[in-house]
């Protein structure tokens, strides 16, 4: 997982550099200012990663390792609780307005979409992420999401078996 961790660290460096180039939020920012800051951050990250594509972080080398971890956690009777947890807040499984969600690198995660839960047991087995990023599920897909910019950094299709 060293390559994965290195790619995550490189992304976080980019995130921090870009965040430092836009005006910071004030201590008592209102919702409009917060939303504007998030949009400015997302726009700046997209510009800095204009050539980003699926697999830049979830590379072909790391995919089998992540699949083994995830599928091992959700398989069989022992994985029932984890499968149920993944369904909680999963926008594709709850049939929310996010059916229109664009699954692409640098796409916005819809503000009105719920965020799926990642089972604690699974989270403890996946590579630890810095505070700027989190794992989420959209349907059967795993996404890596920039928390502050609310954008999809990378994704892996069909990690959860049917």
N, C-alpha and C. Protein backbone atom coordinates (compact mmCIF):
# COMPACT_ATOMS: atom_id res chain seq x y z
N UNK A 1 0.82 -1.21 0.00
CA UNK A 1 0.00 0.00 0.00
C UNK A 1 0.86 1.27 0.00
N UNK A 2 2.16 1.12 -0.07
CA UNK A 2 3.03 2.30 -0.04
C UNK A 2 2.71 3.25 -1.19
N UNK A 3 2.53 2.71 -2.39
CA UNK A 3 2.22 3.55 -3.54
C UNK A 3 0.91 4.31 -3.32
N UNK A 4 -0.10 3.63 -2.80
CA UNK A 4 -1.39 4.27 -2.50
C UNK A 4 -1.18 5.41 -1.51
N UNK A 5 -0.48 5.13 -0.43
CA UNK A 5 -0.24 6.16 0.59
C UNK A 5 0.55 7.34 0.03
N UNK A 6 1.51 7.07 -0.84
CA UNK A 6 2.28 8.14 -1.47
C UNK A 6 1.39 9.00 -2.36
N UNK A 7 0.50 8.36 -3.10
CA UNK A 7 -0.41 9.11 -3.98
C UNK A 7 -1.40 9.94 -3.17
N UNK A 8 -1.87 9.39 -2.07
CA UNK A 8 -2.76 10.14 -1.17
C UNK A 8 -2.01 11.35 -0.61
N UNK A 9 -0.78 11.14 -0.16
CA UNK A 9 0.02 12.24 0.39
C UNK A 9 0.25 13.32 -0.66
N UNK A 10 0.50 12.92 -1.88
CA UNK A 10 0.72 13.89 -2.96
C UNK A 10 -0.55 14.70 -3.20
N UNK A 11 -1.71 14.03 -3.18
CA UNK A 11 -2.97 14.75 -3.35
C UNK A 11 -3.17 15.75 -2.20
N UNK A 12 -2.91 15.32 -0.98
CA UNK A 12 -3.11 16.20 0.18
C UNK A 12 -2.18 17.41 0.09
N UNK A 13 -0.95 17.21 -0.39
CA UNK A 13 -0.04 18.34 -0.61
C UNK A 13 -0.67 19.34 -1.58
N UNK A 14 -1.22 18.83 -2.68
CA UNK A 14 -1.88 19.68 -3.66
C UNK A 14 -3.07 20.41 -3.02
N UNK A 15 -3.87 19.67 -2.28
CA UNK A 15 -5.03 20.26 -1.60
C UNK A 15 -4.60 21.42 -0.70
N UNK A 16 -3.58 21.19 0.10
CA UNK A 16 -3.11 22.23 1.03
C UNK A 16 -2.53 23.43 0.29
N UNK A 17 -1.78 23.17 -0.77
CA UNK A 17 -1.20 24.28 -1.55
C UNK A 17 -2.31 25.13 -2.14
N UNK A 18 -3.28 24.47 -2.77
CA UNK A 18 -4.39 25.18 -3.41
C UNK A 18 -5.23 25.91 -2.36
N UNK A 19 -5.48 25.27 -1.23
CA UNK A 19 -6.26 25.91 -0.16
C UNK A 19 -5.56 27.16 0.35
N UNK A 20 -4.24 27.15 0.35
CA UNK A 20 -3.48 28.32 0.79
C UNK A 20 -3.52 29.47 -0.20
N UNK A 21 -3.93 29.19 -1.42
CA UNK A 21 -3.96 30.21 -2.47
C UNK A 21 -5.31 30.93 -2.57
N UNK A 22 -6.32 30.41 -1.88
CA UNK A 22 -7.63 31.07 -1.91
C UNK A 22 -7.87 31.75 -0.57
N UNK A 23 -8.69 32.80 -0.55
CA UNK A 23 -8.94 33.49 0.72
C UNK A 23 -9.49 32.52 1.78
N UNK A 24 -8.95 32.63 2.97
CA UNK A 24 -9.39 31.77 4.08
C UNK A 24 -10.75 32.22 4.59
N UNK A 25 -11.45 31.29 5.18
CA UNK A 25 -12.72 31.62 5.83
C UNK A 25 -12.46 32.39 7.11
N UNK A 26 -13.37 33.30 7.42
CA UNK A 26 -13.29 34.02 8.69
C UNK A 26 -13.80 33.10 9.80
N UNK A 27 -13.48 33.45 11.03
CA UNK A 27 -13.93 32.64 12.17
C UNK A 27 -15.45 32.50 12.22
N UNK A 28 -16.14 33.57 11.91
CA UNK A 28 -17.62 33.54 11.97
C UNK A 28 -18.21 33.71 10.58
N UNK A 29 -17.90 32.78 9.70
CA UNK A 29 -18.41 32.84 8.33
C UNK A 29 -19.86 32.39 8.31
N UNK A 30 -20.62 33.00 7.41
CA UNK A 30 -22.02 32.60 7.26
C UNK A 30 -22.12 31.49 6.21
N UNK A 31 -23.27 30.85 6.09
CA UNK A 31 -23.41 29.73 5.15
C UNK A 31 -23.07 30.10 3.70
N UNK A 32 -23.37 31.31 3.28
CA UNK A 32 -23.07 31.72 1.91
C UNK A 32 -21.55 31.79 1.72
N UNK A 33 -20.84 32.33 2.69
CA UNK A 33 -19.38 32.41 2.61
C UNK A 33 -18.75 31.02 2.63
N UNK A 34 -19.28 30.14 3.45
CA UNK A 34 -18.77 28.77 3.53
C UNK A 34 -18.98 28.06 2.20
N UNK A 35 -20.16 28.21 1.63
CA UNK A 35 -20.46 27.58 0.34
C UNK A 35 -19.55 28.14 -0.76
N UNK A 36 -19.33 29.45 -0.74
CA UNK A 36 -18.45 30.08 -1.73
C UNK A 36 -17.02 29.60 -1.60
N UNK A 37 -16.57 29.43 -0.36
CA UNK A 37 -15.21 28.94 -0.12
C UNK A 37 -15.07 27.50 -0.63
N UNK A 38 -16.06 26.69 -0.36
CA UNK A 38 -16.03 25.30 -0.82
C UNK A 38 -15.98 25.25 -2.35
N UNK A 39 -16.77 26.08 -2.99
CA UNK A 39 -16.79 26.13 -4.46
C UNK A 39 -15.45 26.62 -5.00
N UNK A 40 -14.87 27.64 -4.36
CA UNK A 40 -13.56 28.15 -4.80
C UNK A 40 -12.49 27.08 -4.65
N UNK A 41 -12.52 26.34 -3.55
CA UNK A 41 -11.55 25.27 -3.33
C UNK A 41 -11.71 24.17 -4.37
N UNK A 42 -12.95 23.76 -4.61
CA UNK A 42 -13.20 22.71 -5.60
C UNK A 42 -12.74 23.15 -6.99
N UNK A 43 -13.04 24.38 -7.35
CA UNK A 43 -12.64 24.91 -8.66
C UNK A 43 -11.12 24.93 -8.80
N UNK A 44 -10.44 25.37 -7.76
CA UNK A 44 -8.98 25.43 -7.79
C UNK A 44 -8.36 24.03 -7.87
N UNK A 45 -8.92 23.08 -7.14
CA UNK A 45 -8.41 21.71 -7.19
C UNK A 45 -8.63 21.12 -8.57
N UNK A 46 -9.82 21.35 -9.14
CA UNK A 46 -10.08 20.83 -10.49
C UNK A 46 -9.08 21.40 -11.49
N UNK A 47 -8.78 22.68 -11.38
CA UNK A 47 -7.83 23.30 -12.29
C UNK A 47 -6.43 22.69 -12.11
N UNK A 48 -6.06 22.46 -10.87
CA UNK A 48 -4.74 21.88 -10.59
C UNK A 48 -4.65 20.41 -11.01
N UNK A 49 -5.81 19.74 -11.09
CA UNK A 49 -5.84 18.32 -11.47
C UNK A 49 -6.62 18.13 -12.77
N UNK A 50 -6.46 19.03 -13.70
CA UNK A 50 -7.28 18.99 -14.91
C UNK A 50 -7.08 17.71 -15.73
N UNK A 51 -5.97 17.04 -15.54
CA UNK A 51 -5.71 15.80 -16.27
C UNK A 51 -5.98 14.55 -15.43
N UNK A 52 -6.59 14.73 -14.25
CA UNK A 52 -6.85 13.58 -13.37
C UNK A 52 -7.82 12.62 -14.03
N UNK A 53 -7.61 11.34 -13.73
CA UNK A 53 -8.48 10.30 -14.30
C UNK A 53 -8.66 9.17 -13.29
N UNK A 54 -9.68 8.35 -13.48
CA UNK A 54 -9.87 7.21 -12.58
C UNK A 54 -8.62 6.34 -12.55
N UNK A 55 -8.24 5.93 -11.37
CA UNK A 55 -7.07 5.07 -11.22
C UNK A 55 -5.80 5.82 -10.90
N UNK A 56 -5.88 7.14 -10.80
CA UNK A 56 -4.68 7.90 -10.43
C UNK A 56 -4.25 7.60 -8.99
N UNK A 57 -5.20 7.34 -8.14
CA UNK A 57 -4.89 7.00 -6.74
C UNK A 57 -5.23 5.53 -6.47
N UNK A 58 -6.41 5.09 -6.90
CA UNK A 58 -6.78 3.68 -6.82
C UNK A 58 -6.18 2.98 -8.04
N UNK A 59 -4.88 2.80 -8.04
CA UNK A 59 -4.18 2.23 -9.20
C UNK A 59 -4.52 0.75 -9.39
N UNK A 60 -4.14 0.25 -10.55
CA UNK A 60 -4.35 -1.17 -10.84
C UNK A 60 -3.58 -2.06 -9.86
N UNK A 61 -2.48 -1.56 -9.33
CA UNK A 61 -1.70 -2.34 -8.37
C UNK A 61 -2.39 -2.43 -7.01
N UNK A 62 -3.08 -1.37 -6.60
CA UNK A 62 -3.70 -1.35 -5.28
C UNK A 62 -5.13 -1.92 -5.31
N UNK A 63 -5.75 -1.90 -6.47
CA UNK A 63 -7.15 -2.37 -6.58
C UNK A 63 -7.34 -3.78 -6.02
N UNK A 64 -6.52 -4.78 -6.41
CA UNK A 64 -6.74 -6.13 -5.88
C UNK A 64 -6.62 -6.18 -4.34
N UNK A 65 -5.71 -5.40 -3.78
CA UNK A 65 -5.54 -5.39 -2.33
C UNK A 65 -6.76 -4.80 -1.64
N UNK A 66 -7.27 -3.70 -2.19
CA UNK A 66 -8.46 -3.08 -1.60
C UNK A 66 -9.68 -3.98 -1.77
N UNK A 67 -9.81 -4.61 -2.92
CA UNK A 67 -10.93 -5.53 -3.13
C UNK A 67 -10.88 -6.68 -2.14
N UNK A 68 -9.70 -7.22 -1.89
CA UNK A 68 -9.56 -8.33 -0.93
C UNK A 68 -10.01 -7.88 0.46
N UNK A 69 -9.61 -6.68 0.87
CA UNK A 69 -10.00 -6.16 2.19
C UNK A 69 -11.51 -5.96 2.26
N UNK A 70 -12.05 -5.27 1.27
CA UNK A 70 -13.48 -4.92 1.30
C UNK A 70 -14.35 -6.16 1.18
N UNK A 71 -14.06 -6.99 0.20
CA UNK A 71 -14.89 -8.18 0.00
C UNK A 71 -14.75 -9.17 1.14
N UNK A 72 -13.59 -9.22 1.75
CA UNK A 72 -13.42 -10.07 2.92
C UNK A 72 -14.29 -9.62 4.09
N UNK A 73 -14.52 -8.33 4.18
CA UNK A 73 -15.32 -7.77 5.27
C UNK A 73 -16.82 -7.93 5.03
N UNK A 74 -17.26 -7.97 3.78
CA UNK A 74 -18.70 -8.00 3.49
C UNK A 74 -19.20 -9.38 3.06
N UNK A 75 -18.33 -10.34 2.97
CA UNK A 75 -18.68 -11.67 2.45
C UNK A 75 -19.44 -12.51 3.48
N UNK A 76 -20.37 -13.27 2.98
CA UNK A 76 -21.06 -14.29 3.77
C UNK A 76 -21.87 -13.76 4.93
N UNK A 77 -22.26 -14.68 5.79
CA UNK A 77 -23.09 -14.34 6.94
C UNK A 77 -22.37 -13.38 7.89
N UNK A 78 -21.07 -13.54 8.03
CA UNK A 78 -20.31 -12.67 8.93
C UNK A 78 -20.28 -11.23 8.43
N UNK A 79 -20.47 -11.02 7.15
CA UNK A 79 -20.43 -9.67 6.58
C UNK A 79 -21.77 -8.98 6.49
N UNK A 80 -22.82 -9.65 7.02
CA UNK A 80 -24.17 -9.08 6.91
C UNK A 80 -24.27 -7.69 7.54
N UNK A 81 -23.73 -7.52 8.74
CA UNK A 81 -23.80 -6.22 9.41
C UNK A 81 -23.06 -5.15 8.60
N UNK A 82 -21.92 -5.50 8.06
CA UNK A 82 -21.16 -4.54 7.24
C UNK A 82 -21.94 -4.16 5.99
N UNK A 83 -22.55 -5.14 5.34
CA UNK A 83 -23.35 -4.84 4.14
C UNK A 83 -24.51 -3.91 4.48
N UNK A 84 -25.15 -4.14 5.62
CA UNK A 84 -26.26 -3.27 6.05
C UNK A 84 -25.77 -1.86 6.35
N UNK A 85 -24.61 -1.75 6.98
CA UNK A 85 -24.05 -0.43 7.30
C UNK A 85 -23.74 0.33 6.02
N UNK A 86 -23.22 -0.33 5.01
CA UNK A 86 -22.89 0.31 3.74
C UNK A 86 -24.14 0.85 3.05
N UNK A 87 -25.27 0.22 3.28
CA UNK A 87 -26.53 0.69 2.67
C UNK A 87 -27.04 1.96 3.34
N UNK A 88 -26.64 2.21 4.60
CA UNK A 88 -27.12 3.39 5.32
C UNK A 88 -26.56 4.65 4.67
N UNK A 89 -27.44 5.50 4.20
CA UNK A 89 -27.01 6.74 3.58
C UNK A 89 -26.42 6.58 2.20
N UNK A 90 -26.46 5.37 1.65
CA UNK A 90 -25.89 5.15 0.32
C UNK A 90 -26.82 5.77 -0.71
N UNK A 91 -26.39 6.82 -1.40
CA UNK A 91 -27.30 7.56 -2.28
C UNK A 91 -27.90 6.75 -3.41
N UNK A 92 -27.18 5.81 -3.95
CA UNK A 92 -27.72 5.01 -5.06
C UNK A 92 -28.70 3.96 -4.55
N UNK A 93 -28.52 3.50 -3.32
CA UNK A 93 -29.38 2.45 -2.80
C UNK A 93 -30.62 3.01 -2.12
N UNK A 94 -30.57 4.26 -1.73
CA UNK A 94 -31.73 4.88 -1.08
C UNK A 94 -32.64 5.56 -2.09
N UNK A 95 -32.24 5.58 -3.37
CA UNK A 95 -33.08 6.15 -4.41
C UNK A 95 -33.31 7.64 -4.24
N UNK A 96 -32.32 8.34 -3.74
CA UNK A 96 -32.46 9.78 -3.53
C UNK A 96 -32.32 10.54 -4.84
N UNK A 97 -32.35 11.83 -4.75
CA UNK A 97 -32.23 12.69 -5.93
C UNK A 97 -30.86 12.55 -6.60
N UNK A 98 -29.99 11.79 -6.01
CA UNK A 98 -28.63 11.69 -6.55
C UNK A 98 -28.51 10.64 -7.65
N UNK A 99 -29.62 10.16 -8.14
CA UNK A 99 -29.53 9.26 -9.29
C UNK A 99 -28.79 9.97 -10.42
N UNK A 100 -28.83 11.29 -10.41
CA UNK A 100 -28.15 12.09 -11.42
C UNK A 100 -26.67 12.27 -11.09
N UNK A 101 -26.20 11.69 -9.99
CA UNK A 101 -24.83 11.86 -9.56
C UNK A 101 -23.87 11.45 -10.67
N UNK A 102 -22.94 12.33 -10.96
CA UNK A 102 -21.94 12.06 -11.98
C UNK A 102 -20.76 11.37 -11.31
N UNK A 103 -20.50 10.14 -11.71
CA UNK A 103 -19.38 9.40 -11.13
C UNK A 103 -18.17 9.62 -12.02
N UNK A 104 -17.44 10.68 -11.71
CA UNK A 104 -16.20 10.95 -12.43
C UNK A 104 -15.25 11.69 -11.50
N UNK A 105 -13.98 11.58 -11.81
CA UNK A 105 -12.96 12.26 -11.03
C UNK A 105 -13.18 13.77 -11.16
N UNK A 106 -13.06 14.46 -10.05
CA UNK A 106 -13.25 15.91 -9.93
C UNK A 106 -14.72 16.34 -9.93
N UNK A 107 -15.65 15.40 -10.06
CA UNK A 107 -17.07 15.76 -10.01
C UNK A 107 -17.45 16.13 -8.58
N UNK A 108 -18.41 17.01 -8.45
CA UNK A 108 -18.91 17.37 -7.13
C UNK A 108 -19.75 16.23 -6.58
N UNK A 109 -19.62 16.01 -5.28
CA UNK A 109 -20.53 15.11 -4.59
C UNK A 109 -21.73 15.98 -4.26
N UNK A 110 -22.93 15.62 -4.71
CA UNK A 110 -24.08 16.51 -4.52
C UNK A 110 -24.31 16.89 -3.06
N UNK A 111 -24.54 18.18 -2.83
CA UNK A 111 -24.76 18.68 -1.48
C UNK A 111 -25.99 18.04 -0.84
N UNK A 112 -26.98 17.68 -1.66
CA UNK A 112 -28.22 17.11 -1.11
C UNK A 112 -28.15 15.59 -0.96
N UNK A 113 -27.02 15.00 -1.30
CA UNK A 113 -26.88 13.54 -1.22
C UNK A 113 -26.43 13.12 0.17
N UNK A 114 -27.01 12.04 0.68
CA UNK A 114 -26.51 11.52 1.95
C UNK A 114 -25.12 10.92 1.75
N UNK A 115 -24.41 10.76 2.84
CA UNK A 115 -23.09 10.13 2.80
C UNK A 115 -23.22 8.74 3.40
N UNK A 116 -22.79 7.75 2.65
CA UNK A 116 -22.89 6.38 3.14
C UNK A 116 -21.98 6.17 4.34
N UNK A 117 -22.34 5.21 5.14
CA UNK A 117 -21.50 4.83 6.27
C UNK A 117 -20.48 3.79 5.82
N UNK A 118 -19.31 3.87 6.40
CA UNK A 118 -18.29 2.85 6.16
C UNK A 118 -18.17 2.08 7.47
N UNK A 119 -18.41 0.79 7.44
CA UNK A 119 -18.37 0.01 8.69
C UNK A 119 -17.04 0.21 9.42
N UNK A 120 -17.08 0.44 10.73
CA UNK A 120 -15.85 0.65 11.50
C UNK A 120 -14.83 -0.48 11.32
N UNK A 121 -15.30 -1.71 11.27
CA UNK A 121 -14.37 -2.84 11.10
C UNK A 121 -13.66 -2.75 9.76
N UNK A 122 -14.38 -2.34 8.72
CA UNK A 122 -13.77 -2.18 7.40
C UNK A 122 -12.82 -0.98 7.40
N UNK A 123 -13.25 0.10 8.00
CA UNK A 123 -12.42 1.31 8.05
C UNK A 123 -11.09 1.04 8.75
N UNK A 124 -11.12 0.18 9.76
CA UNK A 124 -9.88 -0.13 10.49
C UNK A 124 -8.91 -0.97 9.65
N UNK A 125 -9.42 -1.63 8.60
CA UNK A 125 -8.57 -2.47 7.75
C UNK A 125 -8.07 -1.74 6.51
N UNK A 126 -8.81 -0.71 6.09
CA UNK A 126 -8.40 0.07 4.93
C UNK A 126 -7.25 0.99 5.31
N UNK A 127 -6.44 1.41 4.33
CA UNK A 127 -5.37 2.36 4.65
C UNK A 127 -5.97 3.63 5.28
N UNK A 128 -5.35 4.09 6.35
CA UNK A 128 -5.82 5.28 7.05
C UNK A 128 -5.65 6.49 6.13
N UNK A 129 -6.67 7.34 6.16
CA UNK A 129 -6.64 8.54 5.33
C UNK A 129 -6.41 9.78 6.19
N UNK A 130 -5.78 10.81 5.62
CA UNK A 130 -5.66 12.08 6.35
C UNK A 130 -7.04 12.74 6.43
N UNK A 131 -7.16 13.74 7.29
CA UNK A 131 -8.44 14.40 7.53
C UNK A 131 -9.06 15.00 6.28
N UNK A 132 -8.26 15.32 5.28
CA UNK A 132 -8.78 15.95 4.06
C UNK A 132 -9.61 15.00 3.20
N UNK A 133 -9.48 13.70 3.43
CA UNK A 133 -10.14 12.70 2.58
C UNK A 133 -10.96 11.72 3.40
N UNK A 134 -11.97 11.13 2.74
CA UNK A 134 -12.68 10.01 3.35
C UNK A 134 -13.13 9.03 2.29
N UNK A 135 -13.41 7.81 2.75
CA UNK A 135 -13.97 6.77 1.89
C UNK A 135 -15.49 6.86 2.00
N UNK A 136 -16.19 6.64 0.90
CA UNK A 136 -17.65 6.55 0.89
C UNK A 136 -18.05 5.54 -0.17
N UNK A 137 -19.26 5.03 -0.03
CA UNK A 137 -19.81 4.14 -1.04
C UNK A 137 -20.93 4.85 -1.77
N UNK A 138 -20.97 4.66 -3.08
CA UNK A 138 -22.07 5.13 -3.92
C UNK A 138 -22.51 3.90 -4.70
N UNK A 139 -23.65 3.35 -4.30
CA UNK A 139 -24.06 2.07 -4.86
C UNK A 139 -23.04 1.02 -4.45
N UNK A 140 -22.49 0.32 -5.42
CA UNK A 140 -21.48 -0.71 -5.15
C UNK A 140 -20.05 -0.19 -5.34
N UNK A 141 -19.94 1.11 -5.64
CA UNK A 141 -18.64 1.72 -5.92
C UNK A 141 -18.06 2.37 -4.67
N UNK A 142 -16.74 2.38 -4.60
CA UNK A 142 -16.02 3.06 -3.52
C UNK A 142 -15.47 4.36 -4.08
N UNK A 143 -15.69 5.46 -3.35
CA UNK A 143 -15.11 6.73 -3.78
C UNK A 143 -14.15 7.23 -2.71
N UNK A 144 -13.21 8.01 -3.16
CA UNK A 144 -12.31 8.75 -2.30
C UNK A 144 -12.75 10.20 -2.46
N UNK A 145 -13.21 10.82 -1.37
CA UNK A 145 -13.82 12.14 -1.42
C UNK A 145 -12.98 13.16 -0.68
N UNK A 146 -12.81 14.32 -1.30
CA UNK A 146 -12.19 15.46 -0.63
C UNK A 146 -13.27 16.08 0.25
N UNK A 147 -13.05 16.06 1.54
CA UNK A 147 -14.08 16.47 2.50
C UNK A 147 -14.41 17.96 2.36
N UNK A 148 -13.40 18.82 2.33
CA UNK A 148 -13.64 20.27 2.30
C UNK A 148 -14.16 20.75 0.95
N UNK A 149 -13.63 20.19 -0.13
CA UNK A 149 -14.05 20.60 -1.48
C UNK A 149 -15.28 19.83 -1.93
N UNK A 150 -15.58 18.73 -1.27
CA UNK A 150 -16.73 17.88 -1.58
C UNK A 150 -16.69 17.40 -3.04
N UNK A 151 -15.52 16.93 -3.45
CA UNK A 151 -15.39 16.40 -4.81
C UNK A 151 -14.87 14.96 -4.76
N UNK A 152 -15.15 14.25 -5.82
CA UNK A 152 -14.68 12.87 -5.95
C UNK A 152 -13.24 12.92 -6.48
N UNK A 153 -12.32 12.43 -5.66
CA UNK A 153 -10.90 12.45 -6.01
C UNK A 153 -10.56 11.24 -6.89
N UNK A 154 -11.15 10.09 -6.57
CA UNK A 154 -10.98 8.87 -7.36
C UNK A 154 -12.09 7.91 -6.98
N UNK A 155 -12.26 6.87 -7.77
CA UNK A 155 -13.29 5.88 -7.46
C UNK A 155 -12.91 4.52 -8.04
N UNK A 156 -13.51 3.50 -7.45
CA UNK A 156 -13.37 2.12 -7.95
C UNK A 156 -14.77 1.56 -8.14
N UNK A 157 -15.03 1.04 -9.29
CA UNK A 157 -16.35 0.48 -9.61
C UNK A 157 -16.53 -0.92 -9.02
N UNK A 158 -17.76 -1.21 -8.61
CA UNK A 158 -18.22 -2.54 -8.22
C UNK A 158 -17.31 -3.26 -7.23
N UNK A 159 -17.00 -2.59 -6.14
CA UNK A 159 -16.18 -3.22 -5.10
C UNK A 159 -17.02 -4.10 -4.18
N UNK A 160 -18.30 -3.81 -4.10
CA UNK A 160 -19.22 -4.62 -3.30
C UNK A 160 -19.87 -5.64 -4.22
N UNK A 161 -19.73 -6.92 -3.91
CA UNK A 161 -20.37 -7.94 -4.78
C UNK A 161 -21.89 -7.84 -4.71
N UNK A 162 -22.54 -8.29 -5.77
CA UNK A 162 -24.02 -8.28 -5.80
C UNK A 162 -24.59 -9.31 -4.89
